[in-house]
C-alpha cells in the first residue's frame, strides 16, 4: 500500500511536470510565430499554384488521374514542379491558412486523388505532402528573389506551425481549405491565387 502511494505521488509529479513543459513549449511556439509575423510584411496578392490536369484512366485495378502542379513563389517563379499520377478519378488540394496579428498566411499542404466528389479520410491520407517542396534548411522559399534570409526564416516558423509539425493546440489559428479540381478541363493550365483578404481563387490561363 505504501509503495502504491509513493508510485502515485511520483507519477503525479511527472504528469504535472510534463504538463508544465508542454504549456511552456506551446507558449514559446506561439510567441515565436507572433514575433515572426510582426517582422514580416504582408504579401498575399500572388499566384500560389499553377496546375494542369492531363486526364484520368480507369482499369480493373482502379482509377488514376495525372497532372502537373507548380509551386509558385511570391515573385511568380516556379520553385518546384510535381508531375505524377494519383489514385482516384479527381484531384483536390488542401491549403492551411494561419491568421496572426490580422495577417493571413497561406500554405499548400497536400494534393490527393478521390473517387467521389465527397472524398473520405483514407483518400486524403494517401496524398502528396507539399511542405517539403518549399521549406528547406530552415527557410520558406515561398518568398521569392529579393526577400531576406531573416524573412524566409520567419515565414518558415509560421509554415511549420501551419503544417502542424509542432505538437501543439492551434486554438483556431489554423484553417484548412480544400480546393476541388473536378471541374478543371484537361490539358488546360489553371492558376490558383491568394489575395490580401485571405481568399483563394482559381482561373483558367
N, C-alpha and C. Protein backbone atom coordinates (compact mmCIF):
# COMPACT_ATOMS: atom_id res chain seq x y z
N UNK A 1 0.83 -1.21 0.00
CA UNK A 1 0.00 0.00 0.00
C UNK A 1 0.86 1.25 0.00
N UNK A 2 1.90 1.23 0.83
CA UNK A 2 2.80 2.39 0.90
C UNK A 2 3.52 2.60 -0.41
N UNK A 3 3.94 1.48 -1.04
CA UNK A 3 4.63 1.58 -2.32
C UNK A 3 3.71 2.16 -3.39
N UNK A 4 2.43 1.79 -3.35
CA UNK A 4 1.47 2.31 -4.32
C UNK A 4 1.29 3.82 -4.16
N UNK A 5 1.27 4.30 -2.94
CA UNK A 5 1.13 5.73 -2.68
C UNK A 5 2.34 6.50 -3.21
N UNK A 6 3.52 5.93 -2.98
CA UNK A 6 4.75 6.58 -3.46
C UNK A 6 4.75 6.63 -4.99
N UNK A 7 4.33 5.52 -5.61
CA UNK A 7 4.29 5.46 -7.07
C UNK A 7 3.31 6.50 -7.62
N UNK A 8 2.12 6.59 -7.02
CA UNK A 8 1.12 7.55 -7.48
C UNK A 8 1.60 8.98 -7.30
N UNK A 9 2.32 9.24 -6.22
CA UNK A 9 2.83 10.57 -5.97
C UNK A 9 3.89 10.95 -7.00
N UNK A 10 4.80 10.01 -7.25
CA UNK A 10 5.85 10.26 -8.25
C UNK A 10 5.24 10.43 -9.64
N UNK A 11 4.26 9.58 -9.96
CA UNK A 11 3.60 9.66 -11.27
C UNK A 11 2.88 11.00 -11.41
N UNK A 12 2.24 11.45 -10.35
CA UNK A 12 1.53 12.74 -10.40
C UNK A 12 2.50 13.89 -10.63
N UNK A 13 3.68 13.83 -9.97
CA UNK A 13 4.67 14.88 -10.16
C UNK A 13 5.20 14.89 -11.59
N UNK A 14 5.43 13.70 -12.15
CA UNK A 14 5.90 13.62 -13.53
C UNK A 14 4.84 14.13 -14.50
N UNK A 15 3.58 13.79 -14.23
CA UNK A 15 2.49 14.25 -15.08
C UNK A 15 2.37 15.76 -15.03
N UNK A 16 2.49 16.31 -13.85
CA UNK A 16 2.42 17.77 -13.70
C UNK A 16 3.59 18.45 -14.39
N UNK A 17 4.78 17.85 -14.25
CA UNK A 17 5.98 18.41 -14.89
C UNK A 17 5.83 18.39 -16.40
N UNK A 18 5.31 17.28 -16.93
CA UNK A 18 5.09 17.17 -18.38
C UNK A 18 4.11 18.23 -18.85
N UNK A 19 3.03 18.43 -18.10
CA UNK A 19 2.01 19.41 -18.45
C UNK A 19 2.60 20.82 -18.46
N UNK A 20 3.42 21.13 -17.47
CA UNK A 20 4.05 22.46 -17.40
C UNK A 20 4.99 22.67 -18.58
N UNK A 21 5.78 21.64 -18.91
CA UNK A 21 6.71 21.74 -20.04
C UNK A 21 5.94 21.93 -21.34
N UNK A 22 4.83 21.20 -21.48
CA UNK A 22 4.01 21.32 -22.70
C UNK A 22 3.42 22.73 -22.83
N UNK A 23 2.95 23.28 -21.73
CA UNK A 23 2.39 24.63 -21.76
C UNK A 23 3.46 25.64 -22.12
N UNK A 24 4.64 25.50 -21.54
CA UNK A 24 5.75 26.41 -21.84
C UNK A 24 6.18 26.29 -23.30
N UNK A 25 6.22 25.06 -23.81
CA UNK A 25 6.60 24.84 -25.21
C UNK A 25 5.56 25.47 -26.13
N UNK A 26 4.28 25.28 -25.81
CA UNK A 26 3.20 25.86 -26.62
C UNK A 26 3.30 27.39 -26.63
N UNK A 27 3.55 27.97 -25.47
CA UNK A 27 3.70 29.43 -25.38
C UNK A 27 4.88 29.91 -26.21
N UNK A 28 5.97 29.14 -26.18
CA UNK A 28 7.17 29.50 -26.96
C UNK A 28 6.85 29.49 -28.46
N UNK A 29 6.14 28.46 -28.93
CA UNK A 29 5.80 28.36 -30.35
C UNK A 29 4.90 29.51 -30.77
N UNK A 30 3.91 29.81 -29.94
CA UNK A 30 3.00 30.91 -30.25
C UNK A 30 3.73 32.25 -30.29
N UNK A 31 4.56 32.49 -29.29
CA UNK A 31 5.31 33.75 -29.26
C UNK A 31 6.26 33.86 -30.44
N UNK A 32 6.86 32.72 -30.81
CA UNK A 32 7.77 32.70 -31.96
C UNK A 32 7.03 33.05 -33.25
N UNK A 33 5.83 32.49 -33.44
CA UNK A 33 5.04 32.78 -34.64
C UNK A 33 4.54 34.22 -34.65
N UNK A 34 4.10 34.71 -33.51
CA UNK A 34 3.62 36.09 -33.43
C UNK A 34 4.75 37.07 -33.71
N UNK A 35 5.92 36.78 -33.18
CA UNK A 35 7.08 37.64 -33.41
C UNK A 35 7.50 37.60 -34.88
N UNK A 36 7.46 36.40 -35.48
CA UNK A 36 7.80 36.27 -36.89
C UNK A 36 6.83 37.06 -37.76
N UNK A 37 5.53 36.97 -37.43
CA UNK A 37 4.52 37.70 -38.18
C UNK A 37 4.70 39.20 -38.05
N UNK A 38 5.08 39.65 -36.86
CA UNK A 38 5.28 41.08 -36.62
C UNK A 38 6.39 41.64 -37.51
N UNK A 39 7.37 40.80 -37.84
CA UNK A 39 8.51 41.27 -38.62
C UNK A 39 8.31 41.10 -40.13
N UNK A 40 7.25 40.41 -40.52
CA UNK A 40 7.01 40.17 -41.93
C UNK A 40 6.02 41.18 -42.50
N UNK A 41 6.29 41.62 -43.71
CA UNK A 41 5.33 42.46 -44.42
C UNK A 41 4.33 41.58 -45.15
N UNK A 42 3.11 42.07 -45.28
CA UNK A 42 2.06 41.31 -45.93
C UNK A 42 2.29 41.29 -47.44
N UNK A 43 2.21 40.10 -48.02
CA UNK A 43 2.44 39.96 -49.47
C UNK A 43 1.58 38.83 -49.99
N UNK A 44 0.25 39.05 -50.00
CA UNK A 44 -0.67 37.96 -50.31
C UNK A 44 -1.19 37.95 -51.74
N UNK A 45 -1.13 39.06 -52.44
CA UNK A 45 -1.71 39.11 -53.78
C UNK A 45 -0.77 38.45 -54.79
N UNK A 46 -0.80 37.14 -54.85
CA UNK A 46 0.07 36.45 -55.80
C UNK A 46 -0.44 35.05 -56.10
N UNK A 47 0.12 34.47 -57.14
CA UNK A 47 -0.20 33.10 -57.53
C UNK A 47 0.46 32.13 -56.56
N UNK A 48 -0.25 31.08 -56.22
CA UNK A 48 0.28 30.08 -55.28
C UNK A 48 0.63 28.79 -56.01
N UNK A 49 -0.28 28.30 -56.84
CA UNK A 49 -0.06 27.07 -57.61
C UNK A 49 -0.50 27.28 -59.05
N UNK A 50 0.19 26.59 -59.96
CA UNK A 50 -0.22 26.54 -61.36
C UNK A 50 -0.42 25.07 -61.70
N UNK A 51 -1.57 24.72 -62.21
CA UNK A 51 -1.89 23.31 -62.39
C UNK A 51 -2.33 23.00 -63.82
N UNK A 52 -2.18 21.73 -64.15
CA UNK A 52 -2.67 21.23 -65.43
C UNK A 52 -3.04 19.76 -65.23
N UNK A 53 -4.29 19.41 -65.50
CA UNK A 53 -4.77 18.04 -65.36
C UNK A 53 -4.67 17.35 -66.72
N UNK A 54 -3.96 16.23 -66.77
CA UNK A 54 -3.80 15.51 -68.04
C UNK A 54 -5.03 14.65 -68.36
N UNK A 55 -5.63 14.10 -67.32
CA UNK A 55 -6.79 13.24 -67.55
C UNK A 55 -6.79 12.07 -66.58
N UNK A 56 -7.82 11.24 -66.68
CA UNK A 56 -7.95 10.09 -65.79
C UNK A 56 -8.13 8.83 -66.60
N UNK A 57 -7.73 7.71 -66.03
CA UNK A 57 -7.89 6.41 -66.67
C UNK A 57 -8.53 5.46 -65.68
N UNK A 58 -9.24 4.49 -66.21
CA UNK A 58 -9.91 3.50 -65.36
C UNK A 58 -9.50 2.11 -65.80
N UNK A 59 -9.01 1.31 -64.86
CA UNK A 59 -8.61 -0.07 -65.13
C UNK A 59 -9.26 -0.99 -64.10
N UNK A 60 -9.00 -2.26 -64.24
CA UNK A 60 -9.55 -3.22 -63.28
C UNK A 60 -8.98 -3.02 -61.89
N UNK A 61 -7.82 -2.37 -61.83
CA UNK A 61 -7.18 -2.12 -60.53
C UNK A 61 -7.64 -0.82 -59.89
N UNK A 62 -8.41 -0.03 -60.62
CA UNK A 62 -8.90 1.22 -60.05
C UNK A 62 -8.66 2.41 -60.97
N UNK A 63 -9.05 3.59 -60.50
CA UNK A 63 -8.91 4.83 -61.27
C UNK A 63 -7.60 5.53 -60.95
N UNK A 64 -7.04 6.20 -61.93
CA UNK A 64 -5.87 7.06 -61.71
C UNK A 64 -6.09 8.37 -62.47
N UNK A 65 -5.57 9.43 -61.91
CA UNK A 65 -5.66 10.74 -62.55
C UNK A 65 -4.28 11.38 -62.48
N UNK A 66 -3.84 11.98 -63.57
CA UNK A 66 -2.50 12.55 -63.63
C UNK A 66 -2.55 14.04 -63.89
N UNK A 67 -1.48 14.70 -63.50
CA UNK A 67 -1.40 16.14 -63.69
C UNK A 67 -0.06 16.69 -63.26
N UNK A 68 0.12 17.98 -63.46
CA UNK A 68 1.34 18.64 -63.03
C UNK A 68 0.98 19.85 -62.17
N UNK A 69 1.71 20.04 -61.10
CA UNK A 69 1.49 21.13 -60.15
C UNK A 69 2.80 21.89 -59.98
N UNK A 70 2.75 23.18 -60.20
CA UNK A 70 3.93 24.03 -59.98
C UNK A 70 3.68 24.91 -58.76
N UNK A 71 4.61 24.87 -57.80
CA UNK A 71 4.53 25.75 -56.64
C UNK A 71 5.20 27.06 -57.01
N UNK A 72 4.50 28.17 -56.79
CA UNK A 72 4.95 29.48 -57.24
C UNK A 72 5.33 30.34 -56.04
N UNK A 73 6.48 31.03 -56.15
CA UNK A 73 6.88 31.93 -55.06
C UNK A 73 6.22 33.30 -55.22
N UNK A 74 6.51 34.18 -54.30
CA UNK A 74 5.85 35.49 -54.29
C UNK A 74 6.24 36.38 -55.46
N UNK A 75 7.28 36.00 -56.21
CA UNK A 75 7.67 36.75 -57.40
C UNK A 75 7.12 36.15 -58.69
N UNK A 76 6.34 35.07 -58.54
CA UNK A 76 5.75 34.44 -59.73
C UNK A 76 6.64 33.41 -60.38
N UNK A 77 7.69 32.96 -59.70
CA UNK A 77 8.60 31.96 -60.26
C UNK A 77 8.31 30.57 -59.71
N UNK A 78 8.54 29.55 -60.53
CA UNK A 78 8.38 28.18 -60.09
C UNK A 78 9.52 27.79 -59.15
N UNK A 79 9.17 27.21 -58.02
CA UNK A 79 10.21 26.71 -57.12
C UNK A 79 10.20 25.19 -57.04
N UNK A 80 9.13 24.57 -57.53
CA UNK A 80 9.05 23.11 -57.56
C UNK A 80 7.93 22.70 -58.51
N UNK A 81 8.14 21.57 -59.19
CA UNK A 81 7.13 21.03 -60.10
C UNK A 81 6.89 19.57 -59.72
N UNK A 82 5.63 19.22 -59.46
CA UNK A 82 5.27 17.84 -59.14
C UNK A 82 4.42 17.32 -60.29
N UNK A 83 4.94 16.33 -61.00
CA UNK A 83 4.23 15.73 -62.13
C UNK A 83 4.12 14.24 -61.89
N UNK A 84 2.89 13.74 -61.75
CA UNK A 84 2.71 12.33 -61.42
C UNK A 84 1.23 11.96 -61.53
N UNK A 85 0.94 10.71 -61.17
CA UNK A 85 -0.43 10.22 -61.14
C UNK A 85 -0.84 9.92 -59.71
N UNK A 86 -2.13 10.08 -59.45
CA UNK A 86 -2.69 9.78 -58.14
C UNK A 86 -3.84 8.78 -58.31
N UNK A 87 -4.08 7.98 -57.29
CA UNK A 87 -5.21 7.06 -57.31
C UNK A 87 -6.50 7.86 -57.15
N UNK A 88 -7.45 7.62 -58.04
CA UNK A 88 -8.71 8.34 -57.98
C UNK A 88 -9.12 8.87 -59.34
N UNK A 89 -10.31 9.42 -59.41
CA UNK A 89 -10.83 9.98 -60.66
C UNK A 89 -10.73 11.49 -60.70
N UNK A 90 -10.58 12.11 -59.54
CA UNK A 90 -10.49 13.57 -59.44
C UNK A 90 -9.33 13.94 -58.53
N UNK A 91 -8.98 15.22 -58.54
CA UNK A 91 -7.93 15.73 -57.67
C UNK A 91 -8.44 16.87 -56.81
N UNK A 92 -7.86 17.00 -55.62
CA UNK A 92 -8.13 18.12 -54.72
C UNK A 92 -6.83 18.59 -54.10
N UNK A 93 -6.82 19.83 -53.66
CA UNK A 93 -5.65 20.38 -52.98
C UNK A 93 -6.09 20.95 -51.64
N UNK A 94 -5.33 20.63 -50.61
CA UNK A 94 -5.58 21.20 -49.28
C UNK A 94 -4.60 22.34 -49.02
N UNK A 95 -5.10 23.42 -48.43
CA UNK A 95 -4.29 24.56 -48.02
C UNK A 95 -4.50 24.82 -46.54
N UNK A 96 -3.48 25.32 -45.89
CA UNK A 96 -3.58 25.73 -44.49
C UNK A 96 -3.38 27.23 -44.42
N UNK A 97 -4.31 27.90 -43.77
CA UNK A 97 -4.21 29.35 -43.59
C UNK A 97 -4.04 29.68 -42.12
N UNK A 98 -3.02 30.46 -41.82
CA UNK A 98 -2.77 30.91 -40.45
C UNK A 98 -3.12 32.39 -40.37
N UNK A 99 -3.86 32.76 -39.35
CA UNK A 99 -4.21 34.16 -39.12
C UNK A 99 -3.54 34.64 -37.85
N UNK A 100 -2.60 35.58 -38.00
CA UNK A 100 -1.85 36.12 -36.87
C UNK A 100 -1.74 37.63 -37.03
N UNK A 101 -2.01 38.35 -35.96
CA UNK A 101 -1.89 39.81 -35.97
C UNK A 101 -2.71 40.45 -37.10
N UNK A 102 -3.83 39.83 -37.43
CA UNK A 102 -4.66 40.37 -38.51
C UNK A 102 -4.11 40.11 -39.89
N UNK A 103 -3.05 39.30 -40.00
CA UNK A 103 -2.45 38.96 -41.28
C UNK A 103 -2.78 37.51 -41.63
N UNK A 104 -2.85 37.24 -42.95
CA UNK A 104 -3.16 35.90 -43.43
C UNK A 104 -1.93 35.31 -44.10
N UNK A 105 -1.66 34.04 -43.79
CA UNK A 105 -0.56 33.32 -44.42
C UNK A 105 -1.10 31.99 -44.93
N UNK A 106 -0.92 31.74 -46.23
CA UNK A 106 -1.46 30.53 -46.85
C UNK A 106 -0.33 29.63 -47.31
N UNK A 107 -0.51 28.32 -47.07
CA UNK A 107 0.50 27.34 -47.47
C UNK A 107 -0.19 26.14 -48.11
N UNK A 108 0.28 25.72 -49.30
CA UNK A 108 -0.26 24.48 -49.88
C UNK A 108 0.21 23.29 -49.05
N UNK A 109 -0.70 22.40 -48.75
CA UNK A 109 -0.39 21.30 -47.82
C UNK A 109 -0.34 19.94 -48.50
N UNK A 110 -1.36 19.61 -49.30
CA UNK A 110 -1.42 18.26 -49.84
C UNK A 110 -2.25 18.21 -51.11
N UNK A 111 -1.79 17.36 -52.06
CA UNK A 111 -2.56 17.01 -53.25
C UNK A 111 -3.00 15.56 -53.08
N UNK A 112 -4.26 15.29 -53.36
CA UNK A 112 -4.72 13.91 -53.24
C UNK A 112 -5.81 13.62 -54.25
N UNK A 113 -5.91 12.34 -54.61
CA UNK A 113 -6.94 11.89 -55.54
C UNK A 113 -8.15 11.38 -54.79
N UNK A 114 -9.29 11.41 -55.46
CA UNK A 114 -10.53 10.92 -54.86
C UNK A 114 -11.39 10.30 -55.95
N UNK A 115 -12.23 9.37 -55.54
CA UNK A 115 -13.10 8.68 -56.48
C UNK A 115 -14.52 9.23 -56.49
N UNK A 116 -14.83 10.05 -55.49
CA UNK A 116 -16.14 10.70 -55.41
C UNK A 116 -15.94 12.18 -55.14
N UNK A 117 -16.94 12.98 -55.44
CA UNK A 117 -16.86 14.41 -55.17
C UNK A 117 -16.64 14.63 -53.68
N UNK A 118 -17.36 13.83 -52.86
CA UNK A 118 -17.16 13.88 -51.42
C UNK A 118 -16.19 12.75 -51.06
N UNK A 119 -14.95 13.11 -50.77
CA UNK A 119 -13.93 12.10 -50.52
C UNK A 119 -13.97 11.64 -49.06
N UNK A 120 -13.31 10.54 -48.79
CA UNK A 120 -13.21 10.09 -47.40
C UNK A 120 -11.80 10.35 -46.89
N UNK A 121 -11.61 10.14 -45.58
CA UNK A 121 -10.33 10.46 -44.95
C UNK A 121 -9.20 9.58 -45.45
N UNK A 122 -9.50 8.33 -45.76
CA UNK A 122 -8.45 7.43 -46.23
C UNK A 122 -7.84 7.91 -47.53
N UNK A 123 -8.66 8.53 -48.40
CA UNK A 123 -8.15 9.06 -49.67
C UNK A 123 -7.20 10.23 -49.41
N UNK A 124 -7.52 11.08 -48.44
CA UNK A 124 -6.66 12.23 -48.14
C UNK A 124 -5.32 11.78 -47.57
N UNK A 125 -5.33 10.68 -46.81
CA UNK A 125 -4.09 10.20 -46.19
C UNK A 125 -3.07 9.75 -47.23
N UNK A 126 -3.54 9.37 -48.42
CA UNK A 126 -2.64 8.85 -49.45
C UNK A 126 -2.11 9.95 -50.36
N UNK A 127 -2.39 11.19 -50.03
CA UNK A 127 -1.98 12.29 -50.89
C UNK A 127 -0.49 12.59 -50.83
N UNK A 128 -0.10 13.58 -51.63
CA UNK A 128 1.30 14.03 -51.69
C UNK A 128 1.47 15.28 -50.85
N UNK A 129 2.29 15.19 -49.80
CA UNK A 129 2.56 16.36 -48.95
C UNK A 129 3.45 17.34 -49.70
N UNK A 130 3.16 18.62 -49.56
CA UNK A 130 3.86 19.64 -50.34
C UNK A 130 4.87 20.46 -49.54
N UNK A 131 4.80 20.40 -48.23
CA UNK A 131 5.66 21.25 -47.38
C UNK A 131 7.14 21.07 -47.70
N UNK A 132 7.55 19.85 -47.99
CA UNK A 132 8.98 19.58 -48.25
C UNK A 132 9.48 20.26 -49.53
N UNK A 133 8.55 20.67 -50.40
CA UNK A 133 8.96 21.28 -51.67
C UNK A 133 9.26 22.77 -51.54
N UNK A 134 8.79 23.40 -50.46
CA UNK A 134 9.05 24.84 -50.32
C UNK A 134 9.73 25.22 -49.01
N UNK A 135 9.91 24.26 -48.11
CA UNK A 135 10.68 24.51 -46.89
C UNK A 135 12.01 23.78 -46.98
N UNK A 136 13.08 24.51 -46.82
CA UNK A 136 14.40 23.90 -46.97
C UNK A 136 15.41 24.61 -46.07
N UNK A 137 16.12 23.84 -45.26
CA UNK A 137 17.20 24.36 -44.43
C UNK A 137 16.74 25.52 -43.54
N UNK A 138 15.55 25.37 -42.95
CA UNK A 138 15.05 26.39 -42.04
C UNK A 138 14.55 27.64 -42.72
N UNK A 139 14.29 27.56 -44.03
CA UNK A 139 13.79 28.71 -44.79
C UNK A 139 12.54 28.32 -45.56
N UNK A 140 11.62 29.25 -45.69
CA UNK A 140 10.44 29.04 -46.53
C UNK A 140 10.67 29.76 -47.85
N UNK A 141 10.80 28.97 -48.92
CA UNK A 141 11.15 29.53 -50.21
C UNK A 141 9.94 30.08 -50.98
N UNK A 142 8.78 30.15 -50.31
CA UNK A 142 7.64 30.79 -50.95
C UNK A 142 7.86 32.29 -51.10
N UNK A 143 8.79 32.82 -50.32
CA UNK A 143 9.23 34.20 -50.53
C UNK A 143 10.28 34.18 -51.64
N UNK A 144 10.03 34.93 -52.68
CA UNK A 144 10.89 34.86 -53.86
C UNK A 144 12.17 35.69 -53.76
N UNK A 145 12.80 35.83 -54.91
CA UNK A 145 14.06 36.56 -55.02
C UNK A 145 13.88 37.99 -54.51
N UNK A 146 14.85 38.45 -53.76
CA UNK A 146 14.78 39.79 -53.19
C UNK A 146 14.37 39.78 -51.73
N UNK A 147 13.83 38.65 -51.26
CA UNK A 147 13.49 38.55 -49.85
C UNK A 147 14.77 38.29 -49.04
N UNK A 148 14.74 38.68 -47.78
CA UNK A 148 15.91 38.49 -46.93
C UNK A 148 15.89 37.11 -46.28
N UNK A 149 17.07 36.67 -45.86
CA UNK A 149 17.18 35.40 -45.15
C UNK A 149 16.33 35.43 -43.88
N UNK A 150 16.32 36.56 -43.21
CA UNK A 150 15.54 36.72 -41.99
C UNK A 150 14.06 36.52 -42.26
N UNK A 151 13.56 37.10 -43.35
CA UNK A 151 12.14 36.96 -43.69
C UNK A 151 11.79 35.52 -44.03
N UNK A 152 12.68 34.85 -44.77
CA UNK A 152 12.42 33.46 -45.14
C UNK A 152 12.42 32.57 -43.91
N UNK A 153 13.27 32.86 -42.95
CA UNK A 153 13.29 32.09 -41.70
C UNK A 153 12.05 32.37 -40.87
N UNK A 154 11.60 33.61 -40.86
CA UNK A 154 10.38 33.95 -40.12
C UNK A 154 9.17 33.26 -40.73
N UNK A 155 9.07 33.27 -42.07
CA UNK A 155 7.95 32.60 -42.71
C UNK A 155 8.02 31.09 -42.49
N UNK A 156 9.22 30.56 -42.39
CA UNK A 156 9.40 29.13 -42.12
C UNK A 156 8.77 28.74 -40.79
N UNK A 157 8.94 29.58 -39.76
CA UNK A 157 8.35 29.30 -38.45
C UNK A 157 6.83 29.21 -38.54
N UNK A 158 6.24 30.12 -39.30
CA UNK A 158 4.79 30.11 -39.45
C UNK A 158 4.35 28.91 -40.30
N UNK A 159 5.15 28.58 -41.31
CA UNK A 159 4.82 27.46 -42.19
C UNK A 159 4.83 26.13 -41.43
N UNK A 160 5.82 25.95 -40.58
CA UNK A 160 5.89 24.71 -39.79
C UNK A 160 4.68 24.60 -38.88
N UNK A 161 4.28 25.71 -38.30
CA UNK A 161 3.09 25.74 -37.45
C UNK A 161 1.84 25.41 -38.27
N UNK A 162 1.74 26.02 -39.46
CA UNK A 162 0.57 25.80 -40.33
C UNK A 162 0.46 24.35 -40.77
N UNK A 163 1.59 23.72 -41.03
CA UNK A 163 1.60 22.32 -41.46
C UNK A 163 1.53 21.34 -40.30
N UNK A 164 1.28 21.89 -39.11
CA UNK A 164 1.07 21.08 -37.89
C UNK A 164 2.25 20.16 -37.58
N UNK A 165 3.46 20.70 -37.78
CA UNK A 165 4.66 19.95 -37.44
C UNK A 165 4.98 20.03 -35.95
N UNK A 166 4.41 21.03 -35.29
CA UNK A 166 4.59 21.16 -33.84
C UNK A 166 3.42 20.48 -33.13
N UNK A 167 3.68 19.69 -32.11
CA UNK A 167 2.60 19.01 -31.38
C UNK A 167 1.91 19.95 -30.39
N UNK A 168 1.31 21.02 -30.91
CA UNK A 168 0.64 21.99 -30.04
C UNK A 168 -0.78 22.22 -30.54
N UNK A 169 -1.64 22.68 -29.64
CA UNK A 169 -3.01 23.02 -29.99
C UNK A 169 -3.00 24.35 -30.74
N UNK A 170 -3.73 24.43 -31.84
CA UNK A 170 -3.66 25.66 -32.65
C UNK A 170 -4.66 26.73 -32.23
N UNK A 171 -5.62 26.38 -31.35
CA UNK A 171 -6.58 27.36 -30.82
C UNK A 171 -7.26 28.17 -31.92
N UNK A 172 -7.57 27.51 -33.02
CA UNK A 172 -8.33 28.16 -34.08
C UNK A 172 -7.53 29.09 -34.98
N UNK A 173 -6.22 29.11 -34.83
CA UNK A 173 -5.41 29.98 -35.69
C UNK A 173 -5.21 29.39 -37.09
N UNK A 174 -5.40 28.08 -37.21
CA UNK A 174 -5.18 27.40 -38.49
C UNK A 174 -6.53 26.99 -39.08
N UNK A 175 -6.77 27.41 -40.32
CA UNK A 175 -7.96 27.00 -41.06
C UNK A 175 -7.52 26.18 -42.27
N UNK A 176 -8.25 25.11 -42.55
CA UNK A 176 -7.95 24.26 -43.70
C UNK A 176 -8.96 24.52 -44.81
N UNK A 177 -8.43 24.76 -46.01
CA UNK A 177 -9.29 24.97 -47.17
C UNK A 177 -9.01 23.88 -48.19
N UNK A 178 -10.08 23.34 -48.75
CA UNK A 178 -9.96 22.28 -49.75
C UNK A 178 -10.46 22.80 -51.09
N UNK A 179 -9.61 22.74 -52.09
CA UNK A 179 -9.99 23.22 -53.43
C UNK A 179 -10.23 22.01 -54.32
N UNK A 180 -11.46 21.84 -54.74
CA UNK A 180 -11.86 20.72 -55.59
C UNK A 180 -11.52 21.05 -57.04
N UNK A 181 -10.81 20.14 -57.72
CA UNK A 181 -10.38 20.37 -59.09
C UNK A 181 -11.14 19.51 -60.10
N UNK A 182 -12.26 18.93 -59.66
CA UNK A 182 -13.00 18.02 -60.53
C UNK A 182 -13.60 18.73 -61.75
N UNK A 183 -13.78 20.05 -61.66
CA UNK A 183 -14.37 20.80 -62.79
C UNK A 183 -13.32 21.34 -63.76
N UNK A 184 -12.06 21.11 -63.46
CA UNK A 184 -10.99 21.61 -64.34
C UNK A 184 -10.96 20.82 -65.65
N UNK A 185 -10.83 21.53 -66.77
CA UNK A 185 -10.72 20.87 -68.06
C UNK A 185 -9.33 20.26 -68.22
N UNK A 186 -9.24 19.16 -68.94
CA UNK A 186 -7.95 18.50 -69.14
C UNK A 186 -7.08 19.31 -70.11
N UNK A 187 -5.77 19.15 -69.92
CA UNK A 187 -4.76 19.80 -70.77
C UNK A 187 -4.94 21.31 -70.84
N UNK A 188 -5.38 21.88 -69.73
CA UNK A 188 -5.56 23.33 -69.63
C UNK A 188 -4.90 23.82 -68.35
N UNK A 189 -4.15 24.90 -68.46
CA UNK A 189 -3.49 25.46 -67.29
C UNK A 189 -4.46 26.31 -66.47
N UNK A 190 -4.36 26.16 -65.16
CA UNK A 190 -5.13 26.97 -64.22
C UNK A 190 -4.19 27.60 -63.21
N UNK A 191 -4.57 28.77 -62.76
CA UNK A 191 -3.79 29.48 -61.76
C UNK A 191 -4.60 29.59 -60.47
N UNK A 192 -4.00 29.17 -59.35
CA UNK A 192 -4.62 29.31 -58.04
C UNK A 192 -3.97 30.49 -57.35
N UNK A 193 -4.77 31.49 -57.02
CA UNK A 193 -4.24 32.73 -56.45
C UNK A 193 -4.76 32.94 -55.03
N UNK A 194 -4.09 33.86 -54.34
CA UNK A 194 -4.43 34.18 -52.95
C UNK A 194 -4.31 35.68 -52.79
N UNK A 195 -5.36 36.32 -52.22
CA UNK A 195 -5.33 37.78 -52.10
C UNK A 195 -5.21 38.23 -50.65
N UNK A 196 -5.08 39.52 -50.46
CA UNK A 196 -4.83 40.08 -49.14
C UNK A 196 -6.03 39.94 -48.19
N UNK A 197 -7.19 39.59 -48.74
CA UNK A 197 -8.37 39.35 -47.91
C UNK A 197 -8.43 37.92 -47.41
N UNK A 198 -7.40 37.13 -47.73
CA UNK A 198 -7.37 35.74 -47.29
C UNK A 198 -8.27 34.84 -48.11
N UNK A 199 -8.44 35.13 -49.41
CA UNK A 199 -9.33 34.34 -50.25
C UNK A 199 -8.56 33.64 -51.36
N UNK A 200 -8.97 32.39 -51.60
CA UNK A 200 -8.40 31.60 -52.69
C UNK A 200 -9.25 31.79 -53.93
N UNK A 201 -8.58 31.77 -55.08
CA UNK A 201 -9.30 31.84 -56.34
C UNK A 201 -8.62 30.97 -57.38
N UNK A 202 -9.36 30.49 -58.34
CA UNK A 202 -8.80 29.69 -59.42
C UNK A 202 -9.35 30.20 -60.74
N UNK A 203 -8.45 30.35 -61.71
CA UNK A 203 -8.87 30.84 -63.02
C UNK A 203 -8.09 30.15 -64.13
N UNK A 204 -8.74 30.03 -65.25
CA UNK A 204 -8.11 29.40 -66.41
C UNK A 204 -7.12 30.37 -67.04
N UNK A 205 -5.98 29.86 -67.45
CA UNK A 205 -4.96 30.70 -68.09
C UNK A 205 -5.08 30.63 -69.61
